[in-house]
Amino acid sequence: MAQMVESDGNPTERGNTGGERRNLPLQKEPVTVMSGHRERVTCVRAHPKFGLVASSSDDSTIKVWDAESGMLEASLKGHSKAVSHIAFNASGDLLASCSSDMTVKLWNMSSTKGRDSLYKCARSMVGHDHTVSTVEFLVAGNRVVSCSRDKTIKIWDISSGYCINTLQGHRDWIRALAVCKHDNLIASGGNDQVLIVWRLSEGTKGTVGSELHRLEHHTHSIQTIAFAGKPLQRVGATNDPSSQENGAAESSKPPSPPEVMLLASAGRDNMICLWNLNSGELAFVLDDHTNWVNDLLFHPTSKYLLSASDDRSVKVFDLESRRCLRTLEDAHGHFVTCLTMAPHLGRLFSGGVDFEVRGWECR
């Protein structure tokens, strides 16, 4: 059974109080268990407004669950192979999915067009030549972006379903993709162990992308990427302990930027890398996991980072102290594959190779 392990840096004992630590997982056991998939759960996403959770699976289906009761609301069938990833748009009216069948699909998640259209496939987009790994909505909402084993990133127009641009820069399977919510940035990574940050802009031929940073430190495939939602203060340039040995020497150095936007990446080398987007440099590394790290999730405050791993744990890291605050041991009966948070519900949801989606109470 799952057990919560507190580090010696218990937040309640370190003088930090108030709302900044709310909505962190506290329960020793899940409050909901959603069973119905027949194979590995690949992605889980909370609806941005309503009490719904969507999950995708290698069983080629997407399931929609009541977040409170764990009851199945709908099963979306349209992909012919494993569904790799899903994403809601900001309003929650649309759900995007991608699959090993090489397609990206849009699903109607609103009944405003009639009950008959609810949970129906609204559009299918074809253009990738191999498994599509990840799909996300761009901030403007009228575009989706996807990455694939065909080594490309494609930007799609939602209205027409056409691919309006293809980005190339990776040498191998692109497994992970993330969108920055506060800037025209996306990041991609995969089997070539390189993390590329792209700046998007609108050109005469639609949305175009140019490389901003090419970041290298991982020694194995990158599985997951996440942008912090807010800047973080007091982030050092490296995790070199010698930089903290002499207070006088430290005070003589030029001050660090007051605010740093972080990008996190992780994968099969068991490491979580935190990158300074201001400078494009590695800020520090978290190496607490003992197996592949499959998913990363920034807390809404951006002060904490949550991770899911093949070591069957979910960890919560304090990014200012660079310490693991909590570990949810044996969160699933097998590898933990994915995470999503629903702050409006006070829940964290996880998916696993055990075919289950689990909901955890947060406070």
Protein backbone atom coordinates (compact mmCIF):
# COMPACT_ATOMS: atom_id res chain seq x y z
CA MET A 1 0.00 0.00 0.00
CA ALA A 2 1.07 3.56 -0.61
CA GLN A 3 2.97 5.30 2.14
CA MET A 4 3.83 8.97 2.50
CA VAL A 5 7.40 9.63 3.59
CA GLU A 6 8.31 13.08 4.92
CA SER A 7 11.88 14.28 4.56
CA ASP A 8 13.65 15.83 7.52
CA GLY A 9 12.79 19.17 5.94
CA ASN A 10 9.16 18.94 6.96
CA PRO A 11 7.50 22.12 5.70
CA THR A 12 5.51 22.59 8.88
CA GLU A 13 8.74 22.68 10.87
CA ARG A 14 10.63 25.15 8.73
CA GLY A 15 8.57 28.23 9.38
CA ASN A 16 6.85 28.40 6.01
CA THR A 17 3.13 28.79 6.40
CA GLY A 18 0.19 30.10 4.48
CA GLY A 19 -1.30 29.22 1.12
CA GLU A 20 1.97 28.60 -0.67
CA ARG A 21 2.04 24.98 0.50
CA ARG A 22 -1.59 24.22 -0.17
CA ASN A 23 -2.55 21.61 -2.72
CA LEU A 24 0.38 19.29 -2.07
CA PRO A 25 -0.46 15.58 -1.82
CA LEU A 26 -0.90 14.48 1.79
CA GLN A 27 -2.96 11.31 1.79
CA LYS A 28 -1.39 7.96 2.54
CA GLU A 29 -3.97 6.24 0.36
CA PRO A 30 -5.73 7.42 -2.81
CA VAL A 31 -9.18 8.89 -2.30
CA THR A 32 -10.32 7.62 -5.69
CA VAL A 33 -9.20 4.73 -7.89
CA MET A 34 -10.41 4.74 -11.49
CA SER A 35 -10.29 1.33 -13.13
CA GLY A 36 -11.37 0.58 -16.67
CA HIS A 37 -8.36 0.77 -18.96
CA ARG A 38 -7.08 -2.54 -20.26
CA GLU A 39 -3.47 -1.45 -20.73
CA ARG A 40 -0.96 1.13 -19.45
CA VAL A 41 -2.28 4.63 -18.72
CA THR A 42 -0.13 6.98 -20.79
CA CYS A 43 -1.45 10.41 -19.82
CA VAL A 44 -3.93 11.96 -17.41
CA ARG A 45 -5.31 15.51 -17.53
CA ALA A 46 -7.74 17.38 -15.29
CA HIS A 47 -10.44 19.49 -16.92
CA PRO A 48 -9.53 23.17 -16.33
CA LYS A 49 -13.00 24.12 -15.05
CA PHE A 50 -15.14 21.11 -14.23
CA GLY A 51 -14.77 18.07 -12.02
CA LEU A 52 -13.63 15.77 -14.79
CA VAL A 53 -10.42 13.89 -15.47
CA ALA A 54 -9.41 12.43 -18.83
CA SER A 55 -6.95 9.57 -19.29
CA SER A 56 -5.36 7.95 -22.33
CA SER A 57 -4.03 4.45 -22.66
CA ASP A 58 -2.18 1.93 -24.75
CA ASP A 59 -5.60 0.26 -25.13
CA SER A 60 -6.34 2.92 -27.83
CA THR A 61 -9.06 4.65 -25.79
CA ILE A 62 -9.51 7.92 -23.91
CA LYS A 63 -11.67 7.76 -20.82
CA VAL A 64 -13.43 10.62 -19.04
CA TRP A 65 -14.02 10.22 -15.31
CA ASP A 66 -15.91 12.02 -12.59
CA ALA A 67 -13.03 13.36 -10.50
CA GLU A 68 -14.86 13.09 -7.18
CA SER A 69 -16.54 9.71 -7.45
CA GLY A 70 -14.15 8.05 -9.88
CA MET A 71 -17.08 6.90 -12.01
CA LEU A 72 -16.59 6.54 -15.76
CA GLU A 73 -18.41 9.26 -17.71
CA ALA A 74 -17.43 8.34 -21.26
CA SER A 75 -15.03 6.27 -23.34
CA LEU A 76 -13.73 8.00 -26.46
CA LYS A 77 -12.89 5.62 -29.29
CA GLY A 78 -11.39 6.72 -32.58
CA HIS A 79 -7.70 5.90 -32.51
CA SER A 80 -6.68 2.55 -33.95
CA LYS A 81 -3.52 2.19 -31.85
CA ALA A 82 -2.13 3.31 -28.47
CA VAL A 83 -3.03 6.86 -27.43
CA SER A 84 0.21 8.53 -26.36
CA HIS A 85 -0.90 11.85 -24.91
CA ILE A 86 -3.87 14.17 -24.37
CA ALA A 87 -4.34 17.88 -23.59
CA PHE A 88 -7.26 20.21 -22.83
CA ASN A 89 -7.47 23.70 -24.27
CA ALA A 90 -7.79 26.59 -21.79
CA SER A 91 -11.59 26.63 -21.85
CA GLY A 92 -11.93 22.87 -21.67
CA ASP A 93 -14.12 22.82 -24.78
CA LEU A 94 -11.64 20.70 -26.73
CA LEU A 95 -9.41 17.76 -25.94
CA ALA A 96 -6.48 16.95 -28.23
CA SER A 97 -5.05 13.45 -28.49
CA CYS A 98 -2.22 11.80 -30.38
CA SER A 99 -1.43 8.20 -31.12
CA SER A 100 0.80 5.53 -32.52
CA ASP A 101 -1.65 5.50 -35.45
CA MET A 102 0.17 8.70 -36.57
CA THR A 103 -2.85 10.98 -36.13
CA VAL A 104 -3.75 13.95 -33.95
CA LYS A 105 -7.43 14.20 -33.06
CA LEU A 106 -9.64 16.89 -31.52
CA TRP A 107 -12.59 15.88 -29.35
CA ASN A 108 -15.60 18.00 -28.47
CA MET A 109 -15.84 18.27 -24.68
CA SER A 110 -18.74 20.75 -24.60
CA SER A 111 -22.45 20.24 -25.16
CA THR A 112 -22.97 23.79 -26.48
CA LYS A 113 -23.32 22.36 -30.00
CA GLY A 114 -25.81 19.77 -28.80
CA ARG A 115 -25.63 16.61 -26.74
CA ASP A 116 -25.02 14.54 -29.85
CA SER A 117 -21.64 16.23 -30.39
CA LEU A 118 -20.38 15.78 -26.82
CA TYR A 119 -17.35 13.48 -26.61
CA LYS A 120 -17.30 13.10 -30.39
CA CYS A 121 -14.21 13.43 -32.60
CA ALA A 122 -14.38 16.87 -34.19
CA ARG A 123 -11.31 16.62 -36.39
CA SER A 124 -8.52 14.22 -37.32
CA MET A 125 -5.18 15.62 -38.49
CA VAL A 126 -2.82 13.53 -40.59
CA GLY A 127 0.77 14.36 -41.53
CA HIS A 128 3.23 12.62 -39.23
CA ASP A 129 5.05 9.58 -40.60
CA HIS A 130 5.41 7.67 -37.32
CA THR A 131 4.11 7.51 -33.73
CA VAL A 132 2.95 10.89 -32.41
CA SER A 133 4.33 11.22 -28.89
CA THR A 134 2.92 14.43 -27.41
CA VAL A 135 0.31 17.04 -28.30
CA GLU A 136 -0.32 20.42 -26.65
CA PHE A 137 -2.41 23.52 -27.32
CA LEU A 138 -0.52 26.73 -27.97
CA VAL A 139 -1.43 29.68 -25.76
CA ALA A 140 -3.48 31.47 -28.43
CA GLY A 141 -5.78 28.45 -28.52
CA ASN A 142 -6.17 28.25 -32.30
CA ARG A 143 -3.14 26.00 -32.80
CA VAL A 144 -1.97 22.64 -31.54
CA VAL A 145 1.61 21.41 -31.66
CA SER A 146 2.73 17.80 -31.80
CA CYS A 147 6.00 15.86 -31.82
CA SER A 148 6.76 12.47 -33.27
CA ARG A 149 9.07 9.55 -33.73
CA ASP A 150 9.51 10.91 -37.28
CA LYS A 151 11.87 13.52 -35.70
CA THR A 152 9.59 16.48 -36.45
CA ILE A 153 7.40 18.95 -34.60
CA LYS A 154 4.24 20.02 -36.41
CA ILE A 155 2.03 23.04 -35.80
CA TRP A 156 -1.61 22.56 -36.77
CA ASP A 157 -4.43 25.00 -37.41
CA ILE A 158 -7.48 23.89 -35.45
CA SER A 159 -10.07 25.38 -37.80
CA SER A 160 -8.77 23.80 -40.99
CA GLY A 161 -6.91 20.81 -39.59
CA TYR A 162 -3.94 21.61 -41.81
CA CYS A 163 -0.30 21.49 -40.77
CA ILE A 164 0.95 25.06 -41.16
CA ASN A 165 4.59 24.45 -40.25
CA THR A 166 7.08 21.68 -39.47
CA LEU A 167 10.07 22.23 -37.17
CA GLN A 168 13.18 20.11 -37.60
CA GLY A 169 16.23 20.00 -35.34
CA HIS A 170 16.30 16.65 -33.56
CA ARG A 171 18.25 13.64 -34.81
CA ASP A 172 15.99 10.97 -33.30
CA TRP A 173 12.56 10.23 -31.84
CA ILE A 174 11.05 13.31 -30.16
CA ARG A 175 9.28 11.95 -27.09
CA ALA A 176 8.40 15.08 -25.11
CA LEU A 177 7.04 18.55 -25.79
CA ALA A 178 5.98 21.41 -23.53
CA VAL A 179 4.42 24.84 -24.09
CA CYS A 180 5.26 27.92 -22.04
CA LYS A 181 2.01 29.60 -20.99
CA HIS A 182 3.50 33.07 -20.59
CA ASP A 183 5.76 33.38 -23.62
CA ASN A 184 5.89 32.18 -27.19
CA LEU A 185 8.17 29.30 -26.28
CA ILE A 186 7.99 25.54 -26.66
CA ALA A 187 10.56 22.92 -25.69
CA SER A 188 11.20 19.46 -27.13
CA GLY A 189 13.37 16.47 -26.27
CA GLY A 190 13.78 12.79 -26.88
CA ASN A 191 16.15 10.01 -27.80
CA ASP A 192 18.97 12.31 -28.96
CA GLN A 193 19.24 13.53 -25.32
CA VAL A 194 19.06 17.17 -26.47
CA LEU A 195 16.55 19.67 -25.12
CA ILE A 196 15.65 22.36 -27.67
CA VAL A 197 13.82 25.56 -26.71
CA TRP A 198 12.04 27.15 -29.66
CA ARG A 199 10.71 30.69 -29.98
CA LEU A 200 7.49 30.88 -31.97
CA SER A 201 6.39 33.87 -34.01
CA GLU A 202 3.77 34.65 -36.60
CA GLY A 203 5.14 34.93 -40.14
CA THR A 204 3.60 35.32 -43.56
CA LYS A 205 3.15 31.55 -43.71
CA GLY A 206 1.73 31.18 -40.22
CA THR A 207 3.41 30.18 -36.97
CA VAL A 208 7.15 29.66 -37.39
CA GLY A 209 9.79 28.55 -34.90
CA SER A 210 13.47 29.30 -34.37
CA GLU A 211 15.90 27.71 -31.92
CA LEU A 212 16.51 29.80 -28.80
CA HIS A 213 18.51 27.32 -26.70
CA ARG A 214 20.01 23.89 -27.31
CA LEU A 215 20.53 22.35 -23.88
CA GLU A 216 22.63 19.25 -23.22
CA HIS A 217 23.23 17.39 -19.97
CA HIS A 218 21.08 14.26 -20.08
CA THR A 219 22.80 10.94 -20.69
CA HIS A 220 19.72 9.02 -21.84
CA SER A 221 16.39 9.69 -23.55
CA ILE A 222 14.33 12.66 -22.37
CA GLN A 223 10.85 11.49 -21.40
CA THR A 224 9.19 14.62 -20.05
CA ILE A 225 9.49 18.42 -20.06
CA ALA A 226 7.68 21.13 -18.09
CA PHE A 227 7.78 24.93 -17.99
CA ALA A 228 7.31 26.70 -14.67
CA GLY A 229 4.18 28.81 -14.65
CA LYS A 230 5.79 31.65 -12.71
CA PRO A 231 9.33 32.99 -12.20
CA LEU A 232 11.22 31.74 -9.16
CA GLN A 233 13.59 33.73 -6.98
CA ARG A 234 16.86 32.58 -5.37
CA VAL A 235 17.91 30.04 -7.98
CA GLY A 236 21.67 29.52 -8.26
CA ALA A 237 23.58 28.92 -11.47
CA THR A 238 24.77 25.43 -10.50
CA ASN A 239 24.45 22.92 -7.69
CA ASP A 240 28.16 23.20 -6.85
CA PRO A 241 28.42 23.15 -3.02
CA SER A 242 31.69 25.10 -3.13
CA SER A 243 29.71 28.18 -4.10
CA GLN A 244 28.23 28.27 -0.58
CA GLU A 245 31.36 27.65 1.46
CA ASN A 246 32.46 31.23 1.94
CA GLY A 247 29.83 33.81 2.79
CA ALA A 248 32.16 36.72 2.15
CA ALA A 249 33.15 35.40 -1.25
CA GLU A 250 29.51 34.83 -2.08
CA SER A 251 28.59 38.39 -1.15
CA SER A 252 31.30 39.75 -3.43
CA LYS A 253 29.79 38.05 -6.46
CA PRO A 254 27.30 39.94 -8.60
CA PRO A 255 23.73 39.23 -7.49
CA SER A 256 21.71 36.62 -9.32
CA PRO A 257 18.78 37.78 -11.42
CA PRO A 258 15.87 38.55 -9.07
CA GLU A 259 13.56 36.26 -11.01
CA VAL A 260 14.37 33.17 -13.03
CA MET A 261 12.01 31.24 -15.27
CA LEU A 262 12.68 27.52 -14.95
CA LEU A 263 12.35 24.69 -17.41
CA ALA A 264 12.47 21.12 -16.12
CA SER A 265 13.38 17.97 -18.03
CA ALA A 266 13.77 14.34 -17.03
CA GLY A 267 14.04 10.88 -18.46
CA ARG A 268 15.74 7.54 -18.52
CA ASP A 269 18.92 8.69 -16.77
CA ASN A 270 16.82 9.05 -13.56
CA MET A 271 17.78 12.75 -13.36
CA ILE A 272 15.60 15.85 -13.21
CA CYS A 273 17.39 18.84 -14.73
CA LEU A 274 16.30 22.39 -13.93
CA TRP A 275 17.30 24.95 -16.54
CA ASN A 276 17.56 28.73 -16.29
CA LEU A 277 15.61 29.99 -19.28
CA ASN A 278 17.07 33.49 -18.84
CA SER A 279 20.58 32.27 -19.57
CA GLY A 280 20.05 28.85 -21.12
CA GLU A 281 22.26 27.29 -18.43
CA LEU A 282 21.75 24.31 -16.16
CA ALA A 283 20.58 25.61 -12.77
CA PHE A 284 20.69 22.36 -10.77
CA VAL A 285 19.95 18.64 -10.85
CA LEU A 286 17.64 16.56 -8.66
CA ASP A 287 18.73 12.93 -8.53
CA ASP A 288 16.47 11.39 -5.89
CA HIS A 289 14.72 8.90 -8.17
CA THR A 290 16.17 5.43 -8.64
CA ASN A 291 14.55 4.67 -12.00
CA TRP A 292 13.23 6.43 -15.10
CA VAL A 293 11.35 9.69 -14.53
CA ASN A 294 8.24 9.67 -16.71
CA ASP A 295 6.41 12.90 -15.92
CA LEU A 296 7.00 16.30 -14.34
CA LEU A 297 4.46 18.76 -13.00
CA PHE A 298 5.05 22.23 -11.59
CA HIS A 299 2.86 23.24 -8.66
CA PRO A 300 0.68 26.30 -9.48
CA THR A 301 3.01 28.45 -7.34
CA SER A 302 6.03 27.13 -9.32
CA LYS A 303 7.85 26.72 -6.00
CA TYR A 304 7.42 22.95 -6.05
CA LEU A 305 7.95 20.28 -8.66
CA LEU A 306 6.21 16.91 -8.67
CA SER A 307 7.57 13.87 -10.48
CA ALA A 308 6.41 10.38 -11.43
CA SER A 309 8.82 7.50 -11.87
CA ASP A 310 9.34 3.86 -12.70
CA ASP A 311 10.50 3.50 -9.08
CA ARG A 312 6.73 3.56 -8.34
CA SER A 313 6.93 6.83 -6.44
CA VAL A 314 5.61 10.36 -6.74
CA LYS A 315 7.98 12.94 -5.29
CA VAL A 316 7.49 16.57 -4.30
CA PHE A 317 10.52 18.86 -4.49
CA ASP A 318 11.01 22.29 -2.94
CA LEU A 319 12.85 24.17 -5.68
CA GLU A 320 14.23 26.92 -3.45
CA SER A 321 15.92 24.46 -1.08
CA ARG A 322 16.41 21.82 -3.81
CA ARG A 323 15.20 19.13 -1.45
CA CYS A 324 12.64 16.37 -1.71
CA LEU A 325 9.86 17.32 0.70
CA ARG A 326 7.71 14.24 0.34
CA THR A 327 7.70 10.89 -1.32
CA LEU A 328 4.56 8.92 -2.01
CA GLU A 329 6.03 5.42 -2.01
CA ASP A 330 4.29 2.68 -4.00
CA ALA A 331 1.85 5.19 -5.44
CA HIS A 332 0.87 2.52 -7.96
CA GLY A 333 1.26 -1.22 -8.16
CA HIS A 334 3.64 -0.75 -11.09
CA PHE A 335 5.52 2.12 -12.77
CA VAL A 336 3.94 5.59 -12.37
CA THR A 337 3.59 7.11 -15.83
CA CYS A 338 1.80 10.45 -15.53
CA LEU A 339 0.52 13.24 -13.28
CA THR A 340 -1.98 16.07 -13.37
CA MET A 341 -3.19 18.50 -10.73
CA ALA A 342 -6.66 19.97 -10.25
CA PRO A 343 -6.15 22.85 -7.78
CA HIS A 344 -9.86 23.74 -7.93
CA LEU A 345 -10.64 20.24 -6.67
CA GLY A 346 -7.76 19.86 -4.22
CA ARG A 347 -6.63 16.73 -6.03
CA LEU A 348 -3.55 15.25 -7.65
CA PHE A 349 -4.17 12.48 -10.17
CA SER A 350 -1.67 9.86 -11.31
CA GLY A 351 -1.69 7.10 -13.89
CA GLY A 352 0.30 3.91 -14.02
CA VAL A 353 1.28 0.73 -15.80
CA ASP A 354 -1.22 -1.00 -13.47
CA PHE A 355 -4.02 0.34 -15.77
CA GLU A 356 -5.32 2.65 -13.01
CA VAL A 357 -5.83 6.37 -12.46
CA ARG A 358 -5.58 7.37 -8.81
CA GLY A 359 -6.70 10.56 -7.09
CA TRP A 360 -4.82 11.95 -4.08
CA GLU A 361 -6.12 14.51 -1.62
CA CYS A 362 -4.09 17.72 -1.47
CA ARG A 363 -3.98 20.43 1.19
